[in-house]
Every structure is written in structure tokens, then in C-alpha cells.
């Protein structure tokens, strides 16, 4: 599959995250579309690699998001955990903005920084 509509740009306020479910080749994929404090949009897995809870319910600070349950922080550009207890990264998905539409490709190989 290719990039698909996740939301509109206006749906994600600066410093917040929005949970969306997209269809990947292996079924539904839970994605957090996040707008960092600089206004840049990112798409990462919505599921924390440690606690299996929604990252979109966490706090966005700079270019990171914090899991609300145990406090693990993840880099929005790489998905790498920046603080314990998480030790595994979360997937990062390519994101493009087409006018006011936010498009995410959940089937792209590997994690990459959004454009």
C-alpha cells in the first residue's frame, strides 16, 4: 500500500498527538500523528514498546513524546527510547503533507524521519 489519509493538519494542535488507525498490508495499524512544539508533524506507532498503551495520550515535549503510564520518552524522529523503562524503539512512519491533508505510509520499510 502507499501513503493514506491520516487526518487534516488542523486536527493536530501544536504540542499534541492524535490517534488514528490505518490499514496496513497485515491489518490495522495504530498510529500517533504528533505535532511537536516547533509545529513539525510526525507519525509513530501509537503503542508504547514497554507498556502496550497509547502514546497519543502522553505528553509532547520538544521532539519527544512521553508514555503516560510509566514515563518512557521516545524521539519522534527516530522512535528510539530516551528514558527507561522502554528499551525498544517504536516504528516511525513516513509522513507527507499534501495541502491540508496528512498522509502516512504504514507499510514503508524501516523507520525513517518524516518530511
Protein backbone atom coordinates (compact mmCIF):
# COMPACT_ATOMS: atom_id res chain seq x y z
CA UNK A 1 0.00 0.00 0.00
CA UNK A 2 1.02 3.61 -0.27
CA UNK A 3 0.53 6.68 1.87
CA UNK A 4 -3.04 7.14 3.05
CA UNK A 5 -5.01 9.94 4.62
CA UNK A 6 -4.47 10.02 8.37
CA UNK A 7 -6.07 13.37 9.24
CA UNK A 8 -6.05 17.05 8.36
CA UNK A 9 -3.24 19.32 9.54
CA UNK A 10 -5.75 21.32 11.62
CA UNK A 11 -6.73 18.17 13.53
CA UNK A 12 -3.40 18.14 15.42
CA UNK A 13 -2.60 21.13 17.63
CA UNK A 14 0.99 22.14 18.34
CA UNK A 15 2.32 20.07 21.25
CA UNK A 16 -0.30 17.35 20.92
CA UNK A 17 -0.95 13.93 19.37
CA UNK A 18 -3.87 12.32 17.59
CA UNK A 19 -4.50 8.58 17.47
CA UNK A 20 -5.54 7.22 14.08
CA UNK A 21 -5.99 3.69 12.78
CA UNK A 22 -4.74 2.99 9.26
CA UNK A 23 -4.85 -0.15 7.17
CA UNK A 24 -1.52 -1.86 6.56
CA UNK A 25 -0.82 -4.95 4.46
CA UNK A 26 -1.05 -7.06 7.63
CA UNK A 27 -4.17 -5.38 9.02
CA UNK A 28 -4.94 -2.32 11.16
CA UNK A 29 -2.04 -0.17 12.39
CA UNK A 30 -2.43 2.23 15.32
CA UNK A 31 -0.55 5.46 14.60
CA UNK A 32 0.07 8.60 16.64
CA UNK A 33 0.22 11.70 14.45
CA UNK A 34 2.16 14.17 16.58
CA UNK A 35 2.84 17.87 16.13
CA UNK A 36 5.93 18.80 18.10
CA UNK A 37 6.44 22.14 19.85
CA UNK A 38 8.03 23.56 16.67
CA UNK A 39 4.91 22.67 14.68
CA UNK A 40 6.53 19.79 12.77
CA UNK A 41 4.35 16.72 12.16
CA UNK A 42 5.50 13.15 12.88
CA UNK A 43 3.93 9.71 12.62
CA UNK A 44 4.95 6.96 15.04
CA UNK A 45 3.39 3.80 16.38
CA UNK A 46 0.73 4.68 18.92
CA UNK A 47 1.67 1.65 21.04
CA UNK A 48 4.43 2.03 23.64
CA UNK A 49 7.08 -0.67 23.24
CA UNK A 50 7.17 -1.17 27.01
CA UNK A 51 3.66 -0.89 28.41
CA UNK A 52 1.49 -1.57 25.35
CA UNK A 53 -0.54 1.61 25.95
CA UNK A 54 -1.44 4.53 23.71
CA UNK A 55 1.37 7.05 23.26
CA UNK A 56 -1.06 9.62 21.85
CA UNK A 57 -2.39 10.04 25.41
CA UNK A 58 1.08 11.12 26.55
CA UNK A 59 2.77 14.49 26.80
CA UNK A 60 4.63 16.05 23.85
CA UNK A 61 7.75 17.99 24.79
CA UNK A 62 10.13 19.32 22.16
CA UNK A 63 10.59 16.46 19.69
CA UNK A 64 9.65 13.73 22.15
CA UNK A 65 6.53 12.05 23.44
CA UNK A 66 6.21 10.58 26.92
CA UNK A 67 4.23 7.43 27.67
CA UNK A 68 1.63 8.40 30.25
CA UNK A 69 1.80 5.07 32.10
CA UNK A 70 5.47 4.58 33.00
CA UNK A 71 7.19 7.73 31.73
CA UNK A 72 9.29 6.38 28.87
CA UNK A 73 10.17 9.10 26.36
CA UNK A 74 10.54 8.46 22.62
CA UNK A 75 12.27 10.54 19.94
CA UNK A 76 9.62 11.50 17.38
CA UNK A 77 12.15 11.42 14.51
CA UNK A 78 13.69 8.01 15.20
CA UNK A 79 11.32 6.21 17.56
CA UNK A 80 14.23 5.45 19.90
CA UNK A 81 13.52 5.37 23.63
CA UNK A 82 15.26 8.16 25.51
CA UNK A 83 14.41 7.03 29.04
CA UNK A 84 13.54 3.78 30.80
CA UNK A 85 11.70 1.59 31.28
CA UNK A 86 11.34 1.25 27.47
CA UNK A 87 14.41 -0.20 25.76
CA UNK A 88 12.96 -0.97 22.30
CA UNK A 89 12.16 1.71 19.73
CA UNK A 90 8.69 2.23 18.28
CA UNK A 91 8.16 2.31 14.50
CA UNK A 92 8.30 5.69 12.76
CA UNK A 93 6.32 6.09 9.54
CA UNK A 94 6.94 8.39 6.57
CA UNK A 95 4.59 11.38 6.72
CA UNK A 96 3.85 13.90 3.99
CA UNK A 97 1.59 16.93 3.95
CA UNK A 98 -0.44 17.49 0.78
CA UNK A 99 -2.20 20.82 1.16
CA UNK A 100 -4.12 20.37 4.40
CA UNK A 101 -4.05 16.56 4.30
CA UNK A 102 -1.65 14.49 6.40
CA UNK A 103 -0.64 11.28 4.60
CA UNK A 104 1.13 8.38 6.33
CA UNK A 105 2.65 5.23 4.82
CA UNK A 106 2.47 2.46 7.43
CA UNK A 107 3.94 -0.12 5.04
CA UNK A 108 7.22 1.66 4.24
CA UNK A 109 10.26 -0.45 5.09
CA UNK A 110 12.16 0.58 8.19
CA UNK A 111 11.85 3.65 10.34
CA UNK A 112 12.61 6.98 8.79
CA UNK A 113 12.30 10.62 9.62
CA UNK A 114 9.17 12.34 8.37
CA UNK A 115 9.34 15.02 5.76
